[in-house]
Protein backbone atom coordinates (compact mmCIF):
# COMPACT_ATOMS: atom_id res chain seq x y z
CA MET A 1 -36.96 6.29 139.18
CA ILE A 2 -39.19 3.31 140.06
CA ASP A 3 -41.85 3.36 142.62
CA LYS A 4 -40.99 1.12 144.92
CA ASN A 5 -44.42 1.98 147.03
CA ILE A 6 -46.79 -1.30 146.13
CA ASP A 7 -49.53 -2.85 147.76
CA VAL A 8 -48.13 -6.54 148.00
CA GLY A 9 -44.91 -8.70 147.49
CA ILE A 10 -44.63 -11.83 146.51
CA ILE A 11 -42.11 -14.59 147.26
CA THR A 12 -41.89 -18.18 146.12
CA ILE A 13 -39.55 -21.21 145.64
CA ILE A 14 -38.98 -23.95 142.70
CA PRO A 15 -39.62 -23.54 138.83
CA THR A 16 -43.16 -25.23 139.23
CA GLU A 17 -44.26 -22.89 141.43
CA ILE A 18 -43.17 -19.66 139.67
CA GLU A 19 -44.61 -21.35 136.41
CA SER A 20 -47.59 -22.16 137.83
CA LEU A 21 -47.96 -18.11 140.18
CA PHE A 22 -46.72 -16.24 136.33
CA GLU A 23 -49.55 -18.52 134.71
CA ILE A 24 -52.30 -17.53 137.08
CA MET A 25 -51.25 -13.90 137.87
CA ASN A 26 -51.23 -13.64 133.94
CA ILE A 27 -47.03 -12.49 133.95
CA SER A 28 -44.32 -12.88 131.79
CA GLU A 29 -41.03 -11.80 131.15
CA LYS A 30 -42.00 -8.03 129.86
CA ASN A 31 -43.37 -7.61 133.54
CA MET A 32 -39.75 -7.90 134.80
CA VAL A 33 -38.39 -5.10 136.45
CA LYS A 34 -34.37 -4.32 136.67
CA ILE A 35 -33.24 -3.03 139.74
CA ASN A 36 -29.73 -3.02 141.59
CA SER A 37 -30.61 -6.62 143.70
CA PRO A 38 -29.21 -10.02 142.99
CA PHE A 39 -33.10 -11.12 142.39
CA LEU A 40 -35.61 -10.87 140.23
CA TYR A 41 -38.60 -9.00 140.43
CA TYR A 42 -41.75 -8.58 138.10
CA LYS A 43 -44.29 -6.42 138.55
CA SER A 44 -48.41 -6.50 137.62
CA LYS A 45 -51.97 -5.28 138.75
CA ILE A 46 -54.73 -7.46 139.73
CA PHE A 47 -58.80 -5.87 140.87
CA SER A 48 -59.13 -5.43 144.99
CA GLU A 49 -62.83 -6.01 145.23
CA GLN A 50 -61.77 -4.44 148.99
CA CYS A 51 -60.48 -1.24 147.76
CA ARG A 52 -62.18 -1.00 144.65
CA ARG A 53 -59.10 -0.78 142.69
CA GLU A 54 -56.30 -2.24 140.97
CA ILE A 55 -53.58 -3.42 143.40
CA THR A 56 -50.03 -3.29 142.30
CA LEU A 57 -48.07 -6.47 143.24
CA VAL A 58 -44.25 -7.64 142.90
CA ILE A 59 -43.18 -11.09 142.75
CA SER A 60 -39.73 -12.74 143.73
CA PHE A 61 -38.56 -15.79 143.76
CA ILE A 62 -35.34 -18.16 145.72
CA ASN A 63 -32.31 -17.68 143.45
CA GLY A 64 -30.74 -21.09 144.62
CA ASP A 65 -31.75 -24.47 146.30
CA ALA A 66 -35.22 -24.13 148.66
CA GLY A 67 -34.08 -23.52 152.06
CA ASN A 68 -34.91 -21.45 155.22
CA VAL A 69 -31.72 -19.67 154.92
CA GLU A 70 -32.48 -18.60 151.40
CA ALA A 71 -36.27 -17.52 152.08
CA SER A 72 -34.67 -15.17 154.31
CA ILE A 73 -32.66 -13.75 152.81
CA CYS A 74 -34.54 -13.42 149.50
CA THR A 75 -37.47 -12.12 151.70
CA THR A 76 -34.91 -9.54 152.91
CA HIS A 77 -33.54 -8.04 149.90
CA PHE A 78 -37.58 -7.81 148.89
CA LEU A 79 -38.08 -5.60 151.55
CA GLN A 80 -34.87 -3.37 151.19
CA ASN A 81 -36.19 -2.69 147.73
CA TRP A 82 -39.26 -2.42 147.78
CA HIS A 83 -42.17 -1.15 150.38
CA PRO A 84 -44.85 -4.03 150.70
CA LYS A 85 -48.26 -3.33 152.55
CA LEU A 86 -48.14 -7.35 152.76
CA MET A 87 -45.84 -9.67 151.78
CA CYS A 88 -47.21 -13.66 150.84
CA MET A 89 -44.91 -16.63 149.92
CA VAL A 90 -46.73 -19.14 148.19
CA GLY A 91 -45.53 -22.89 147.38
CA ILE A 92 -46.33 -26.75 147.81
CA SER A 93 -45.54 -28.85 151.00
CA ALA A 94 -45.83 -32.11 152.27
CA GLY A 95 -49.15 -32.67 153.99
CA ILE A 96 -50.51 -35.14 156.89
CA GLU A 97 -51.94 -38.12 155.75
CA GLY A 98 -55.33 -38.20 157.56
CA LYS A 99 -55.04 -34.50 158.16
CA ILE A 100 -55.04 -33.05 154.69
CA LYS A 101 -55.38 -34.22 151.11
CA ILE A 102 -53.28 -33.87 148.14
CA GLY A 103 -54.02 -30.54 145.79
CA ASP A 104 -56.08 -28.59 149.18
CA VAL A 105 -54.31 -25.75 150.25
CA VAL A 106 -53.28 -24.85 153.82
CA ILE A 107 -52.84 -21.14 155.02
CA PRO A 108 -51.56 -21.10 158.42
CA SER A 109 -52.29 -19.10 160.80
CA LYS A 110 -48.95 -20.31 162.33
CA ILE A 111 -45.70 -21.55 161.81
CA ILE A 112 -43.96 -24.13 164.07
CA ASP A 113 -40.29 -23.10 164.21
CA ARG A 114 -38.25 -26.86 164.23
CA THR A 115 -34.88 -25.56 162.79
CA LYS A 116 -33.30 -24.85 165.75
CA LYS A 117 -32.00 -28.08 168.03
CA VAL A 118 -30.87 -29.18 171.56
CA TYR A 119 -28.16 -31.84 171.54
CA LYS A 120 -29.65 -34.03 173.97
CA SER A 121 -29.24 -37.24 175.68
CA GLY A 122 -27.20 -38.31 172.37
CA LYS A 123 -29.20 -36.52 169.71
CA TYR A 124 -30.47 -33.54 168.13
CA ILE A 125 -34.30 -32.34 169.63
CA PRO A 126 -36.02 -29.45 168.24
CA ARG A 127 -35.74 -25.72 170.32
CA ILE A 128 -39.66 -25.21 169.16
CA GLU A 129 -40.80 -22.07 168.10
CA ASN A 130 -44.42 -20.25 166.86
CA TYR A 131 -44.77 -17.38 164.66
CA HIS A 132 -48.81 -16.22 164.72
CA ARG A 133 -49.93 -13.91 161.76
CA THR A 134 -50.68 -10.20 162.89
CA ARG A 135 -53.62 -9.40 164.71
CA LEU A 136 -55.07 -7.16 161.33
CA ILE A 137 -54.16 -10.10 159.29
CA GLU A 138 -56.51 -12.86 161.59
CA GLN A 139 -59.46 -9.86 161.77
CA MET A 140 -59.48 -9.21 157.64
CA LEU A 141 -60.06 -13.18 157.62
CA LYS A 142 -62.52 -13.74 159.82
CA ARG A 143 -64.28 -10.67 158.58
CA TYR A 144 -64.65 -11.77 155.04
CA LYS A 145 -64.91 -16.01 153.95
CA ILE A 146 -64.07 -17.04 150.36
CA THR A 147 -66.76 -19.82 149.71
CA LEU A 148 -65.69 -22.93 148.62
CA GLU A 149 -68.20 -21.93 145.24
CA ASP A 150 -65.45 -19.11 144.39
CA PHE A 151 -62.54 -21.83 144.70
CA PHE A 152 -64.11 -24.27 142.84
CA LEU A 153 -65.10 -21.87 140.05
CA GLU A 154 -61.23 -20.17 139.77
CA CYS A 155 -60.38 -24.04 139.96
CA ASN A 156 -62.41 -24.95 137.36
CA LYS A 157 -60.99 -21.97 135.03
CA TYR A 158 -57.70 -22.93 135.24
CA ILE A 159 -57.00 -26.19 136.33
CA LEU A 160 -59.60 -28.81 135.53
CA THR A 161 -57.33 -30.19 133.25
CA ASP A 162 -54.50 -30.85 135.85
CA ILE A 163 -57.00 -31.82 138.36
CA LYS A 164 -58.17 -35.06 135.92
CA LYS A 165 -54.39 -35.78 135.18
CA ALA A 166 -53.72 -35.98 138.66
CA GLU A 167 -56.64 -38.15 139.18
CA LEU A 168 -55.37 -40.55 136.64
CA VAL A 169 -52.07 -40.67 138.10
CA ALA A 170 -53.08 -41.62 141.54
CA LYS A 171 -55.20 -44.33 139.70
CA ALA A 172 -52.19 -45.91 138.13
CA ASN A 173 -50.15 -45.69 141.27
CA GLY A 174 -52.48 -47.12 143.49
CA ILE A 175 -52.91 -43.83 145.03
CA SER A 176 -55.83 -44.27 147.83
CA GLU A 177 -58.87 -41.47 147.56
CA SER A 178 -58.23 -41.42 151.93
CA ILE A 179 -55.01 -38.81 150.80
CA TYR A 180 -56.26 -37.27 147.26
CA ASN A 181 -58.72 -35.03 147.09
CA LYS A 182 -61.28 -34.47 143.86
CA ASP A 183 -63.30 -31.47 145.73
CA LEU A 184 -59.93 -28.85 146.63
CA VAL A 185 -60.44 -27.06 149.72
CA LEU A 186 -59.15 -24.63 151.57
CA VAL A 187 -57.71 -25.23 155.19
CA ASP A 188 -56.70 -23.30 158.22
CA GLY A 189 -53.81 -24.59 160.73
CA SER A 190 -50.70 -24.29 161.72
CA ILE A 191 -47.42 -25.79 159.15
CA ALA A 192 -44.01 -27.01 160.31
CA SER A 193 -41.06 -25.45 158.84
CA GLU A 194 -38.31 -27.43 159.21
CA ASP A 195 -34.25 -27.47 157.25
CA THR A 196 -34.98 -31.08 155.99
CA LEU A 197 -37.08 -32.80 152.81
CA ILE A 198 -39.27 -35.30 154.86
CA ARG A 199 -39.91 -38.88 153.46
CA ASP A 200 -41.29 -41.08 156.60
CA SER A 201 -44.94 -40.23 157.49
CA ASN A 202 -44.62 -41.61 161.18
CA PHE A 203 -41.91 -37.50 161.24
CA PHE A 204 -45.35 -36.17 161.74
CA VAL A 205 -46.47 -38.75 164.98
CA PRO A 206 -44.65 -36.36 167.53
CA ILE A 207 -45.69 -32.92 166.35
CA ILE A 208 -49.46 -33.87 166.14
CA GLU A 209 -49.38 -35.77 169.48
CA ASN A 210 -47.21 -33.64 171.48
CA VAL A 211 -46.89 -29.88 169.42
CA ASP A 212 -49.95 -29.10 167.79
CA GLU A 213 -52.69 -30.99 166.31
CA LYS A 214 -53.52 -28.72 164.24
CA CYS A 215 -50.28 -29.33 161.84
CA ARG A 216 -51.06 -29.64 158.55
CA GLY A 217 -47.79 -30.25 156.95
CA SER A 218 -44.21 -29.40 156.41
CA GLU A 219 -42.19 -27.11 154.54
CA MET A 220 -38.45 -25.58 154.51
CA GLU A 221 -39.12 -21.71 153.88
CA ALA A 222 -41.37 -20.16 155.91
CA VAL A 223 -39.36 -19.38 158.73
CA GLY A 224 -36.83 -17.60 157.39
CA PHE A 225 -40.29 -15.69 154.86
CA VAL A 226 -41.32 -14.98 158.59
CA LYS A 227 -38.32 -13.84 160.42
CA SER A 228 -37.54 -11.74 157.73
CA CYS A 229 -40.84 -9.71 157.87
CA ARG A 230 -40.24 -9.20 161.77
CA THR A 231 -39.57 -5.54 163.63
CA GLU A 232 -39.00 -5.61 166.90
CA LYS A 233 -42.29 -4.62 168.32
CA GLU A 234 -44.60 -6.79 166.12
CA ASP A 235 -44.33 -9.28 162.76
CA PHE A 236 -44.37 -7.31 159.62
CA PRO A 237 -48.28 -8.47 158.27
CA TRP A 238 -47.74 -11.95 156.35
CA ILE A 239 -49.71 -14.78 155.33
CA ILE A 240 -49.14 -18.06 153.27
CA PHE A 241 -50.32 -20.16 151.13
CA ARG A 242 -48.89 -24.21 150.82
CA GLY A 243 -50.62 -26.32 147.91
CA ILE A 244 -50.09 -30.30 149.01
CA SER A 245 -48.49 -32.20 146.49
CA ASP A 246 -47.66 -35.35 148.94
CA MET A 247 -47.85 -36.62 152.38
CA GLY A 248 -44.27 -36.88 152.80
CA ASP A 249 -43.69 -40.26 153.15
CA VAL A 250 -41.49 -43.16 150.92
CA LYS A 251 -43.90 -42.51 147.77
CA LYS A 252 -43.32 -38.94 147.71
CA SER A 253 -42.65 -37.48 143.88
CA ASP A 254 -43.23 -34.70 141.61
CA ASP A 255 -46.33 -36.25 139.95
CA PHE A 256 -48.92 -33.44 142.30
CA GLN A 257 -46.95 -30.77 141.76
CA ILE A 258 -48.17 -28.86 139.17
CA LEU A 259 -51.92 -29.42 140.65
CA ALA A 260 -50.38 -28.64 143.96
CA ALA A 261 -48.67 -24.78 142.94
CA LYS A 262 -51.88 -24.05 141.15
CA SER A 263 -54.09 -24.46 143.76
CA ALA A 264 -51.83 -22.55 146.15
CA SER A 265 -51.49 -19.44 143.50
CA ILE A 266 -55.58 -19.63 142.86
CA ALA A 267 -56.11 -19.31 147.03
CA LEU A 268 -53.56 -16.59 146.63
CA LYS A 269 -55.14 -14.79 143.75
CA LEU A 270 -58.92 -15.16 145.64
CA TYR A 271 -57.57 -13.39 148.87
CA LEU A 272 -55.72 -10.67 147.63
CA GLU A 273 -58.73 -9.77 145.40
CA LYS A 274 -61.68 -10.29 147.54
CA ILE A 275 -60.31 -10.52 151.63
CA ILE A 276 -56.98 -8.36 151.80
CA ASN A 277 -57.95 -4.40 152.52
CA PHE A 278 -54.42 -2.56 151.60
CA ASP A 279 -56.38 0.81 152.40
CA GLU A 280 -56.14 -0.68 156.15
CA LEU A 281 -52.85 -1.84 156.08
CA GLU A 282 -51.32 0.84 154.53
CA ASN A 283 -52.54 2.78 157.95
CA ASN A 284 -50.80 0.20 159.98
CA PRO A 285 -48.55 1.92 162.47
CA HIS A 286 -46.00 -1.25 162.03
CA TYR A 287 -45.73 -0.62 158.33
CA LYS A 288 -44.48 3.12 158.35
CA GLU A 289 -42.11 2.14 161.14
CA LEU A 290 -40.78 -0.73 158.68
CA ASN A 291 -40.32 1.40 155.63
CA ASP A 292 -38.82 3.36 157.81
CA SER A 293 -36.60 1.55 159.45
CA HIS A 294 -34.92 -0.94 157.02
CA ASP A 295 -33.46 -2.48 159.94
CA PHE A 296 -32.09 -6.11 158.31
CA ASN A 297 -28.89 -7.27 159.11
CA ILE A 298 -28.68 -10.85 157.47
CA TYR A 299 -24.76 -10.52 158.74
CA LEU A 300 -26.33 -11.52 161.64
CA GLN A 301 -27.36 -14.58 160.65
CA ILE A 302 -23.99 -15.94 159.15
CA GLU A 303 -22.68 -14.55 162.77
CA ASP A 304 -25.08 -16.85 164.39
CA SER A 305 -24.50 -19.63 161.92
CA TYR A 306 -20.75 -19.60 162.20
CA LYS A 307 -21.16 -19.28 165.94
CA HIS A 308 -22.79 -22.96 165.51
CA GLN A 309 -20.56 -24.12 163.46
CA ARG A 310 -23.51 -24.40 160.83
CA TRP A 311 -20.44 -24.62 157.99
CA ILE A 312 -23.33 -25.22 154.88
CA GLU A 313 -25.59 -22.31 156.12
CA VAL A 314 -22.64 -19.92 156.16
CA CYS A 315 -21.54 -21.11 152.86
CA ASN A 316 -25.26 -20.87 151.58
CA ILE A 317 -26.01 -17.19 152.27
CA SER A 318 -22.84 -16.00 150.89
CA SER A 319 -23.29 -17.00 147.43
CA VAL A 320 -25.69 -14.08 147.79
CA LEU A 321 -25.11 -11.66 150.16
CA SER A 322 -21.31 -11.37 148.89
CA ARG A 323 -22.34 -9.75 145.83
CA TYR A 324 -24.48 -7.66 147.55
CA LEU A 325 -21.91 -6.60 150.15
CA TRP A 326 -19.85 -5.67 147.23
CA ILE A 327 -22.19 -3.71 145.09
CA SER A 328 -24.17 -1.58 148.75
CA GLY A 329 -20.15 -0.54 149.25
CA GLN A 330 -19.64 -2.57 152.67
CA LEU A 331 -16.16 -3.69 152.12
CA GLU A 332 -14.90 -4.40 155.66
CA LEU A 333 -17.96 -6.39 156.29
CA ARG A 334 -17.44 -8.64 153.00
CA ILE A 335 -13.92 -9.18 154.22
CA LYS A 336 -15.40 -10.44 157.85
CA LEU A 337 -18.19 -12.66 155.35
CA GLY A 338 -14.85 -13.83 153.33
CA ASN A 339 -12.84 -15.01 156.48
CA MET A 340 -15.94 -16.79 158.30
CA VAL A 341 -17.13 -18.60 154.63
CA GLU A 342 -13.06 -19.76 154.17
CA LYS A 343 -13.28 -21.22 156.95
CA ALA A 344 -16.68 -22.72 156.08
CA ALA A 345 -15.47 -23.93 153.14
CA PHE A 346 -12.44 -25.55 154.26
CA GLU A 347 -14.26 -27.72 156.91
CA ILE A 348 -17.00 -28.76 154.29
CA LYS A 349 -13.97 -29.54 151.85
CA ASP A 350 -15.16 -27.34 148.89
CA PHE A 351 -11.96 -26.08 147.42
CA GLU A 352 -13.55 -24.21 144.72
CA LEU A 353 -16.05 -22.16 146.90
CA ARG A 354 -12.94 -21.54 149.11
CA ALA A 355 -10.70 -20.24 146.04
CA LYS A 356 -13.45 -18.33 145.16
CA VAL A 357 -13.26 -16.48 148.45
CA LEU A 358 -10.01 -15.96 148.74
CA ILE A 359 -9.69 -14.26 144.99
CA ASP A 360 -12.69 -12.36 145.63
CA ASP A 361 -14.04 -11.28 149.15
CA LEU A 362 -10.65 -11.75 150.65
CA GLY A 363 -8.46 -10.58 147.95
CA TRP A 364 -10.08 -8.16 145.76
CA THR A 365 -12.06 -6.53 148.63
CA THR A 366 -8.77 -6.36 150.37
CA PHE A 367 -6.82 -4.53 146.95
CA CYS A 368 -9.68 -2.02 146.86
CA LEU A 369 -8.57 -0.97 149.86
CA GLY A 370 -5.52 -0.28 149.18
CA ASP A 371 -3.24 -2.82 150.40
CA SER A 372 -2.20 -4.72 147.09
CA GLY A 373 0.33 -6.63 149.47
CA ASN A 374 -2.06 -9.08 151.05
CA ALA A 375 -4.37 -8.76 148.56
CA LYS A 376 -1.66 -10.40 146.21
CA ARG A 377 -1.53 -13.45 148.63
CA TYR A 378 -4.92 -14.08 148.75
CA ILE A 379 -5.12 -14.10 145.06
CA GLU A 380 -2.70 -16.18 144.76
CA ASP A 381 -3.38 -18.83 147.13
CA GLY A 382 -6.88 -18.79 145.58
CA ILE A 383 -4.88 -19.66 142.22
CA ARG A 384 -3.25 -22.78 143.95
CA LEU A 385 -6.36 -23.86 145.11
CA ALA A 386 -8.31 -23.06 142.02
CA LYS A 387 -6.10 -25.58 139.70
CA GLU A 388 -6.43 -28.50 142.08
CA VAL A 389 -9.84 -28.74 141.39
CA SER A 390 -9.73 -27.73 137.48
CA ALA A 391 -11.63 -24.88 138.35
CA TYR A 392 -11.18 -22.36 134.57
CA TYR A 393 -13.33 -20.15 135.44
CA VAL A 394 -11.73 -19.12 139.27
CA MET A 395 -8.28 -19.00 137.86
CA ALA A 396 -9.15 -17.10 134.93
CA LYS A 397 -10.57 -14.37 137.37
CA GLY A 398 -7.51 -14.22 139.84
CA HIS A 399 -5.09 -13.91 136.91
CA ARG A 400 -7.45 -11.25 135.80
CA HIS A 401 -7.45 -9.74 139.29
CA LEU A 402 -3.74 -9.66 139.27
CA ALA A 403 -3.74 -8.24 136.47
CA SER A 404 -4.94 -5.23 137.78
CA ILE A 405 -2.99 -5.34 140.91
CA ALA A 406 0.22 -5.18 138.40
CA ARG A 407 -1.52 -2.16 135.94
CA GLN A 408 -1.99 0.10 139.24
CA LYS A 409 1.58 -0.94 140.23
CA GLY A 410 2.55 0.37 136.42
CA ASP A 411 4.29 -2.96 135.30
CA ILE A 412 2.75 -3.19 131.82
CA PHE A 413 4.85 -6.30 131.18
CA GLU A 414 3.80 -7.92 134.43
CA THR A 415 -0.53 -6.79 133.25
CA GLU A 416 0.02 -8.13 129.80
CA LYS A 417 1.52 -11.06 131.27
CA LYS A 418 -1.52 -12.00 133.75
CA LEU A 419 -4.38 -11.27 131.04
CA ALA A 420 -2.36 -13.58 128.50
CA GLU A 421 -2.98 -16.20 131.27
CA ALA A 422 -6.28 -15.06 132.15
CA MET A 423 -7.21 -15.91 128.71
CA GLN A 424 -5.97 -18.66 128.20
CA TYR A 425 -8.15 -19.93 130.85
CA ALA A 426 -10.80 -18.06 130.54
CA ALA A 427 -10.78 -20.01 126.81
CA MET A 428 -10.79 -23.63 129.12
CA ILE A 429 -14.39 -22.97 130.58
CA GLU A 430 -17.10 -24.96 129.89
CA ASN A 431 -19.91 -23.01 131.06
CA ILE A 432 -21.08 -20.86 128.39
CA ASN A 433 -22.54 -17.79 130.87
CA GLU A 434 -19.50 -18.58 133.15
CA LYS A 435 -16.89 -18.31 129.68
CA GLU A 436 -19.26 -15.18 128.13
CA GLU A 437 -19.06 -13.32 131.55
CA MET A 438 -15.36 -13.77 132.20
CA LEU A 439 -14.45 -12.99 128.66
CA ASN A 440 -16.07 -9.64 128.53
CA GLY A 441 -14.74 -8.80 131.69
CA LEU A 442 -11.33 -9.31 129.86
CA LEU A 443 -12.59 -7.05 127.33
CA VAL A 444 -12.24 -4.35 130.19
CA SER A 445 -9.12 -5.43 131.11
CA GLU A 446 -7.71 -5.29 127.66
CA GLY A 447 -9.28 -1.49 127.30
CA LYS A 448 -7.38 -0.87 130.68
CA LEU A 449 -4.21 -1.73 129.75
CA TYR A 450 -4.67 0.16 126.64
CA TYR A 451 -5.19 3.15 128.79
CA VAL A 452 -2.51 3.07 130.83
CA LYS A 453 -0.53 2.79 127.37
CA SER A 454 -1.80 6.38 126.61
CA ASP A 455 -3.30 4.05 123.10
CA TYR A 456 -6.82 5.80 123.66
CA ASP A 457 -8.03 4.08 120.31
CA LYS A 458 -7.52 0.83 120.92
CA SER A 459 -9.18 1.52 124.67
CA ILE A 460 -12.46 2.90 122.91
CA THR A 461 -12.02 -0.13 120.90
CA LYS A 462 -11.89 -2.83 123.54
CA PHE A 463 -14.58 -0.62 125.73
CA THR A 464 -17.31 -0.58 123.01
CA GLU A 465 -16.79 -4.17 122.39
CA ALA A 466 -17.21 -4.84 126.27
CA LEU A 467 -20.66 -2.06 126.13
CA GLN A 468 -21.91 -3.82 123.30
CA ALA A 469 -21.73 -7.45 125.09
CA TYR A 470 -22.64 -5.89 128.48
CA GLN A 471 -26.03 -4.73 126.68
CA LYS A 472 -27.06 -7.98 124.71
CA ALA A 473 -26.57 -9.81 127.59
CA SER A 474 -28.70 -7.19 129.64
CA ASP A 475 -26.24 -7.34 132.75
CA ARG A 476 -26.40 -3.44 133.44
CA ASN A 477 -24.15 -3.68 136.69
CA ARG A 478 -21.02 -4.78 134.72
CA GLU A 479 -22.32 -2.17 131.65
CA VAL A 480 -23.31 0.62 133.83
CA LYS A 481 -19.15 0.00 134.53
CA VAL A 482 -18.48 0.94 130.92
CA TYR A 483 -19.72 4.01 130.30
CA ALA A 484 -17.00 6.26 132.67
CA LEU A 485 -14.12 4.19 130.99
CA LEU A 486 -15.62 5.15 127.56
CA GLY A 487 -16.00 8.60 128.88
CA ASN A 488 -12.32 8.93 130.31
CA ALA A 489 -10.53 7.58 127.32
CA TYR A 490 -12.61 9.82 124.98
CA ARG A 491 -11.99 12.70 127.32
CA LYS A 492 -7.65 11.95 126.97
CA ASN A 493 -8.31 11.30 123.00
CA MET A 494 -9.64 14.75 122.98
CA MET A 495 -12.19 14.13 122.37
CA LEU A 496 -14.94 16.24 125.47
CA LYS A 497 -18.64 16.33 123.47
CA ASP A 498 -18.57 12.20 123.11
CA ALA A 499 -16.93 11.99 126.56
CA ILE A 500 -19.94 13.94 128.31
CA LYS A 501 -22.43 11.89 126.40
CA TYR A 502 -20.87 8.91 127.93
CA TYR A 503 -20.79 10.33 131.33
CA GLN A 504 -24.09 11.54 130.94
CA ASP A 505 -25.53 8.13 129.63
CA GLY A 506 -23.52 6.25 132.86
CA LEU A 507 -24.93 8.94 135.31
CA GLU A 508 -28.61 7.84 134.20
CA MET A 509 -28.14 4.52 134.70
CA ALA A 510 -26.05 4.79 137.30
CA TYR A 511 -29.77 6.74 139.58
CA SER A 512 -32.24 3.85 137.67
CA ILE A 513 -29.97 0.78 139.06
CA GLY A 514 -28.95 2.61 142.53
CA ARG A 515 -25.25 2.65 141.81
CA TYR A 516 -24.16 4.71 144.42
CA ASP A 517 -20.05 4.12 143.00
CA GLU A 518 -20.91 5.02 139.46
CA ILE A 519 -23.09 7.86 139.55
CA SER A 520 -20.10 9.28 142.62
CA LYS A 521 -17.66 8.80 139.04
CA ASN A 522 -20.03 9.96 136.97
CA THR A 523 -20.58 12.87 138.15
CA LYS A 524 -16.97 13.89 139.49
CA CYS A 525 -15.60 13.53 135.41
CA LEU A 526 -18.67 15.39 134.33
CA VAL A 527 -18.29 18.57 136.72
CA GLU A 528 -14.14 18.48 135.44
CA CYS A 529 -15.61 18.73 131.93
CA LEU A 530 -17.46 21.68 132.77
CA ASP A 531 -15.54 25.05 132.45
CA SER A 532 -15.69 27.99 134.25
CA THR A 533 -18.84 29.37 132.47
CA GLN A 534 -21.04 26.36 133.84
CA ASN A 535 -20.47 26.88 137.34
CA ASP A 536 -24.78 26.45 137.75
CA LYS A 537 -24.11 23.31 136.04
CA LYS A 538 -21.48 22.07 138.28
CA GLN A 539 -23.74 22.98 141.47
CA GLU A 540 -26.70 21.05 140.74
CA LEU A 541 -24.51 18.27 139.63
CA ILE A 542 -23.16 18.63 143.27
CA ASP A 543 -26.41 19.19 144.65
CA ARG A 544 -27.99 16.18 143.23
CA ILE A 545 -25.29 13.80 144.16
CA LEU A 546 -25.59 15.18 147.54
CA GLY A 547 -29.31 14.79 147.86
CA PHE A 548 -29.04 11.36 146.75
CA ILE A 549 -26.46 10.30 148.89
CA SER A 550 -28.07 12.11 152.04
CA SER A 551 -31.47 10.34 151.38
CA LYS A 552 -29.74 6.67 151.45
CA GLN A 553 -28.17 7.14 154.82
CA LEU A 554 -25.17 6.41 153.38
CA THR A 555 -22.27 6.26 156.22
CA TYR A 556 -18.72 8.30 156.42
CA GLU A 557 -16.85 5.10 155.22
CA TYR A 558 -18.57 4.16 152.28
CA ARG A 559 -18.97 7.77 151.30
CA LYS A 560 -14.95 7.98 151.46
CA TRP A 561 -15.17 4.41 148.93
CA LEU A 562 -17.00 6.44 146.16
CA ASN A 563 -13.95 8.72 145.61
CA TYR A 564 -15.85 12.03 145.63
CA LYS A 565 -14.52 15.46 147.08
CA TYR A 566 -17.61 17.07 149.16
C-alpha cells in the first residue's frame, strides 16, 4: 500500500512548466506513482534546512487545457489521494508592465478572483473576491528570507544558458530593457486570476487603479487551486510561484516561457528547502481537520456552472469527473452529471461529446443499475448522433455496450451481430491510442461471449490476450478487471488452482489501486473457491474486505453495488 502522508503537494499546468519543474527537482518517469486516479503523480524527496530532514513531495499536473475549473479538479483529486501539509502551485503568468519584469517570480500573498461576473448596464462586470495566504505561512515567510544571493546562485546553476538565450531573443525582437530583467528577482504582491487569456496591456489599468495597486500580473488557475484548498473555517496552507513570461499585450509570445517556468521552479525549490517548516504545519489543527473530513464536492461546482448556463465549464468538468464517479461507484450521481452535460453539449453543439454522454454516462450507467430498456434507448440515440459526425470510437463503444445488453438477455445472435459492428467501426478509428483501447476492450467482450457459450478454452485465450495488452499499455484500471474474468473461466474449466491464482492476483492489484468493485468481486470468488476445511481463510478474507470498506466509509448504495453478501 502507498504511504499517502506527504509533506508537500505540487500542481503545475502546461508541458513547459512540467518539464522545467522536473529538471529543477531532478524528477523523471521512474518517480511515477501508480494509484487509482485520472491524474499522474510523481514522488520524490528534497532536504529541508528547517526540518533538518528529507521532506517528501508529490507532483501532479492538470490533464487538459489550462483554466480554473481544471485546476480545481486536479487539486481536489490530489487532496483526496494524498495528505499533504502544504499545497503549492508553480507556473508562468502575464505581468504588468512597469510593476514587474519578464523572468521575475511573483509569490502572491493575495489572489484576486475575477472569475465571477455580474451583468450590468449592457456588460459583464467582475464580482471580485480575494483569497489570502494563511497566517501560518505568512509567519514563516516573514521569519525567514530568501536572499537575492541564494536565488542568483540557483539561477546560475540551472538557467544561466536560458537567461542568455532570452537576452538574445529580447534584442532580436526589440524588447525594451524596461520590461526585461537580466537579474531575476522575487516579488511579493498580489495576482489576478481570470478565465480569459490577456493580450491587451490596457486590461490591467482598472485593476491597478480600482482594485489593488500591488497587483503584479494575471493568470488562469490560482482561484480554482485556492478554492480547493479551503475548508469551512480557514484556508488550507498554500503558496503559489509564478514566473513572468510576457506582459499580457499584443506582443505576447512563448519566447520567454522556459525562462519564466524554470525561475518559478527554482523559487519553489528554495522556499521548500529553506523557508517552510513542515513540522510546524503538521501540528496545524486545520491540516488535521482537512485530512479527517475530505469534504470536497466537485459536483457542487458543476451544478453552479449548469445553473448559470456556463455550458463550456460543465463540459470541461465532466471530462474528468465522469470517469472518477464511475471508478468510485457513484453511479446515480454520474447519471445526474450526464443529464447536465448532455444539455450543455447540446447548447454548444458538441455532438460527439453529447453522443459519448448518451452512450456512457447515461446509457451504460443506467444498464449497470439494472434498467436495460432505457439504457438501450440512450445508447442507440448516442450511436445515431456519433454517426452524424463520423465519431467511430464512440460508435464502436456504443455497439460494444449493446452487445453486452444482448448477452445479458441470453441473445447470442444479437451479441455476435453487435460485436461484429463494433469491430467494423473500431477498424475505422484513426487515433492509434483510441483504436488500441477499443480493440483491447473488444477482446474482453469476445472472451465474455465465449464464456456464455461455455467455450472456456477460447474464453481464456481472449481474456489472456486482453490482460497482456493492458499490461503492455500500463492500463491498470482495465487490467485489474480481467483477473476475475480469467479466474471465472478457469474455474468453469475445472482448473481450480489457476482460478485461485488469478483471483489472488486481481485482489492484490485491486487493493493497491483502490478499486473497491474488483476487491469485492475477487474476494467473493475466492471465498466460494475455498472448501469447508478452510473456514479460517474464508473468515480472514471476509474480515479484510469488511475492514477495508468500513475504513473508506462507503455508502449503503455503494455497498449494494459491490454485489457482495455480508
